[in-house]
Amino acid sequence: MALAIRSLHGETRLPARVRPAAKPDERAARRALREQVARLEAEMAQLLSSAWPRTDVVTTGRSQRGGESRLLSLLELEELRDGLVVRVREARRALHERGEEEERNRRLLEEMLLDPRGHAWIELGNEDIGEPGCRHWHVRPRFGLLGMLMRWWRVVVSSGCPLPMVPIS
């Protein structure tokens, strides 16, 4: 059996199953793009897991293409990579900003505990300092109106999450 097929016009060509699916230089570009996409997806997964339990900071994003399986062209691979670069950059920035805000709130909590009078009526929750749970810190006057007039302030710590309401049947 011959490897080459001669057409009616005298051209010699390889059968379809022997012909390479992509040009050799395109293969290298595809491989490089797939490696870059895999690295960016791994970095995005790491950012998402480091943000836990704050799921509102980093979004995973969804593909806008159909759900069918297919081979992406070089242009589509480049678009996918560029979109991932933007999403990773935004996720890093959002996590950095959120971390700075939580650090400021932790410092504010320490100041509230040290000087309640200087932080009257301020309230902070666990979500403000990046911790799970329902605890809140409130700066309130001791003994109500009398304490407010006498400038007797204290930090009240909530007891945590309320119990779930069970319907009576």
Protein backbone atom coordinates (compact mmCIF):
# COMPACT_ATOMS: atom_id res chain seq x y z
CA MET A 1 0.00 0.00 0.00
CA ALA A 2 1.42 3.36 -0.99
CA LEU A 3 1.71 6.16 1.58
CA ALA A 4 1.14 8.92 -0.96
CA ILE A 5 -1.94 9.35 -3.10
CA ARG A 6 -1.67 10.83 -6.57
CA SER A 7 -4.67 12.92 -7.65
CA LEU A 8 -6.05 13.18 -11.17
CA HIS A 9 -4.13 16.43 -11.65
CA GLY A 10 -0.82 14.80 -10.90
CA GLU A 11 -0.50 16.17 -7.32
CA THR A 12 0.85 13.92 -4.65
CA ARG A 13 -0.66 14.23 -1.19
CA LEU A 14 -0.79 12.23 2.04
CA PRO A 15 -3.96 10.48 3.10
CA ALA A 16 -6.00 12.33 5.76
CA ARG A 17 -5.10 9.96 8.61
CA VAL A 18 -1.35 10.42 8.06
CA ARG A 19 -1.44 14.20 7.52
CA PRO A 20 -0.55 16.16 10.69
CA ALA A 21 -3.57 17.82 12.39
CA ALA A 22 -1.70 21.09 12.97
CA LYS A 23 1.42 22.72 11.68
CA PRO A 24 4.50 22.03 13.85
CA ASP A 25 4.90 25.70 14.86
CA GLU A 26 1.18 25.83 15.76
CA ARG A 27 1.63 22.78 18.00
CA ALA A 28 4.31 24.54 20.02
CA ALA A 29 2.13 27.65 20.31
CA ARG A 30 -0.85 25.52 21.42
CA ARG A 31 1.27 23.72 23.99
CA ALA A 32 2.60 27.01 25.37
CA LEU A 33 -0.88 28.52 25.55
CA ARG A 34 -2.32 25.43 27.25
CA GLU A 35 0.50 25.54 29.83
CA GLN A 36 -0.16 29.24 30.47
CA VAL A 37 -3.91 28.62 30.84
CA ALA A 38 -3.25 25.72 33.23
CA ARG A 39 -0.90 27.88 35.34
CA LEU A 40 -3.43 30.73 35.46
CA GLU A 41 -6.28 28.37 36.37
CA ALA A 42 -4.16 26.90 39.18
CA GLU A 43 -3.35 30.40 40.43
CA MET A 44 -7.05 31.33 40.30
CA ALA A 45 -7.91 28.20 42.30
CA GLN A 46 -5.24 29.08 44.86
CA LEU A 47 -6.63 32.62 45.20
CA LEU A 48 -10.15 31.24 45.61
CA SER A 49 -9.07 28.79 48.30
CA SER A 50 -7.00 31.41 50.13
CA ALA A 51 -10.03 33.72 50.25
CA TRP A 52 -12.17 31.09 51.99
CA PRO A 53 -14.66 31.66 53.69
CA ARG A 54 -14.99 35.03 51.92
CA THR A 55 -16.57 33.84 48.69
CA ASP A 56 -17.72 37.32 47.70
CA VAL A 57 -14.18 38.54 47.02
CA VAL A 58 -13.12 36.19 44.23
CA THR A 59 -15.49 35.07 41.50
CA THR A 60 -14.83 31.95 39.50
CA GLY A 61 -16.44 33.15 36.28
CA ARG A 62 -18.17 31.01 33.70
CA SER A 63 -17.32 30.21 30.13
CA GLN A 64 -19.41 32.07 27.58
CA ARG A 65 -19.01 29.32 25.03
CA GLY A 66 -21.38 26.43 24.63
CA GLY A 67 -21.04 23.31 26.75
CA GLU A 68 -19.87 21.10 23.89
CA SER A 69 -16.37 19.65 23.81
CA ARG A 70 -14.19 20.90 21.00
CA LEU A 71 -10.65 21.87 20.14
CA LEU A 72 -10.04 25.60 20.61
CA SER A 73 -8.31 27.57 17.90
CA LEU A 74 -5.17 29.57 18.64
CA LEU A 75 -7.22 32.77 18.74
CA GLU A 76 -9.69 31.23 21.22
CA LEU A 77 -6.83 29.96 23.40
CA GLU A 78 -5.29 33.44 23.42
CA GLU A 79 -8.65 35.00 24.34
CA LEU A 80 -9.07 32.45 27.13
CA ARG A 81 -5.57 33.18 28.45
CA ASP A 82 -6.07 36.95 28.27
CA GLY A 83 -9.41 36.66 30.10
CA LEU A 84 -7.78 34.56 32.82
CA VAL A 85 -4.96 37.10 33.19
CA VAL A 86 -7.52 39.86 33.77
CA ARG A 87 -9.54 37.75 36.24
CA VAL A 88 -6.42 36.74 38.21
CA ARG A 89 -5.25 40.37 38.37
CA GLU A 90 -8.70 41.52 39.58
CA ALA A 91 -8.86 38.72 42.15
CA ARG A 92 -5.41 39.62 43.52
CA ARG A 93 -6.38 43.29 43.76
CA ALA A 94 -9.71 42.50 45.45
CA LEU A 95 -8.05 40.18 47.97
CA HIS A 96 -5.36 42.76 48.71
CA GLU A 97 -7.94 45.50 49.27
CA ARG A 98 -10.08 43.22 51.43
CA GLY A 99 -7.04 42.21 53.49
CA GLU A 100 -6.12 45.85 54.10
CA GLU A 101 -9.69 46.65 55.14
CA GLU A 102 -9.78 43.71 57.54
CA GLU A 103 -6.45 44.78 59.05
CA ARG A 104 -7.80 48.32 59.59
CA ASN A 105 -10.87 46.85 61.27
CA ARG A 106 -8.71 44.65 63.53
CA ARG A 107 -6.77 47.74 64.60
CA LEU A 108 -10.05 49.57 65.20
CA LEU A 109 -11.26 46.67 67.38
CA GLU A 110 -8.09 46.85 69.47
CA GLU A 111 -8.55 50.60 69.86
CA MET A 112 -12.20 50.08 70.83
CA LEU A 113 -11.18 47.64 73.54
CA LEU A 114 -8.48 49.98 74.85
CA ASP A 115 -10.52 53.21 74.71
CA PRO A 116 -14.30 52.60 74.55
CA ARG A 117 -15.09 56.26 75.33
CA GLY A 118 -13.28 57.42 72.20
CA HIS A 119 -15.22 54.99 69.99
CA ALA A 120 -18.81 55.52 71.15
CA TRP A 121 -21.56 53.65 69.25
CA ILE A 122 -19.16 51.81 66.92
CA GLU A 123 -20.06 48.25 65.99
CA LEU A 124 -17.83 45.61 64.35
CA GLY A 125 -18.60 42.04 63.37
CA ASN A 126 -16.53 38.95 62.66
CA GLU A 127 -17.10 39.39 58.93
CA ASP A 128 -15.48 42.85 59.21
CA ILE A 129 -12.23 41.34 60.50
CA GLY A 130 -12.29 38.31 58.17
CA GLU A 131 -13.31 35.62 60.63
CA PRO A 132 -16.22 33.20 60.39
CA GLY A 133 -19.03 33.39 62.90
CA CYS A 134 -21.63 35.81 64.17
CA ARG A 135 -19.81 37.63 66.98
CA HIS A 136 -20.21 41.42 67.15
CA TRP A 137 -18.54 44.07 69.28
CA HIS A 138 -20.62 47.14 70.24
CA VAL A 139 -19.43 50.20 72.16
CA ARG A 140 -22.37 51.17 74.36
CA PRO A 141 -22.90 53.23 77.49
CA ARG A 142 -22.86 51.38 80.82
CA PHE A 143 -26.18 51.77 82.68
CA GLY A 144 -28.00 53.27 79.66
CA LEU A 145 -28.73 57.00 79.64
CA LEU A 146 -26.98 57.60 82.98
CA GLY A 147 -23.79 55.97 81.66
CA MET A 148 -23.99 58.02 78.48
CA LEU A 149 -24.28 61.26 80.49
CA MET A 150 -21.48 60.20 82.83
CA ARG A 151 -19.33 59.00 79.88
CA TRP A 152 -19.21 55.43 81.13
CA TRP A 153 -18.68 53.41 77.97
CA ARG A 154 -17.93 49.73 77.53
CA VAL A 155 -17.51 47.18 74.75
CA VAL A 156 -20.30 44.62 74.64
CA VAL A 157 -19.50 41.35 72.88
CA SER A 158 -22.42 39.43 71.41
CA SER A 159 -22.79 35.79 72.35
CA GLY A 160 -22.60 34.56 68.78
CA CYS A 161 -25.04 33.19 66.26
CA PRO A 162 -28.71 33.00 67.20
CA LEU A 163 -30.25 29.57 67.50
CA PRO A 164 -32.32 28.47 64.53
CA MET A 165 -36.05 28.82 64.94
CA VAL A 166 -37.78 25.44 64.94
CA PRO A 167 -41.37 25.55 63.69
CA ILE A 168 -43.89 24.21 66.20
CA SER A 169 -46.09 21.57 64.65
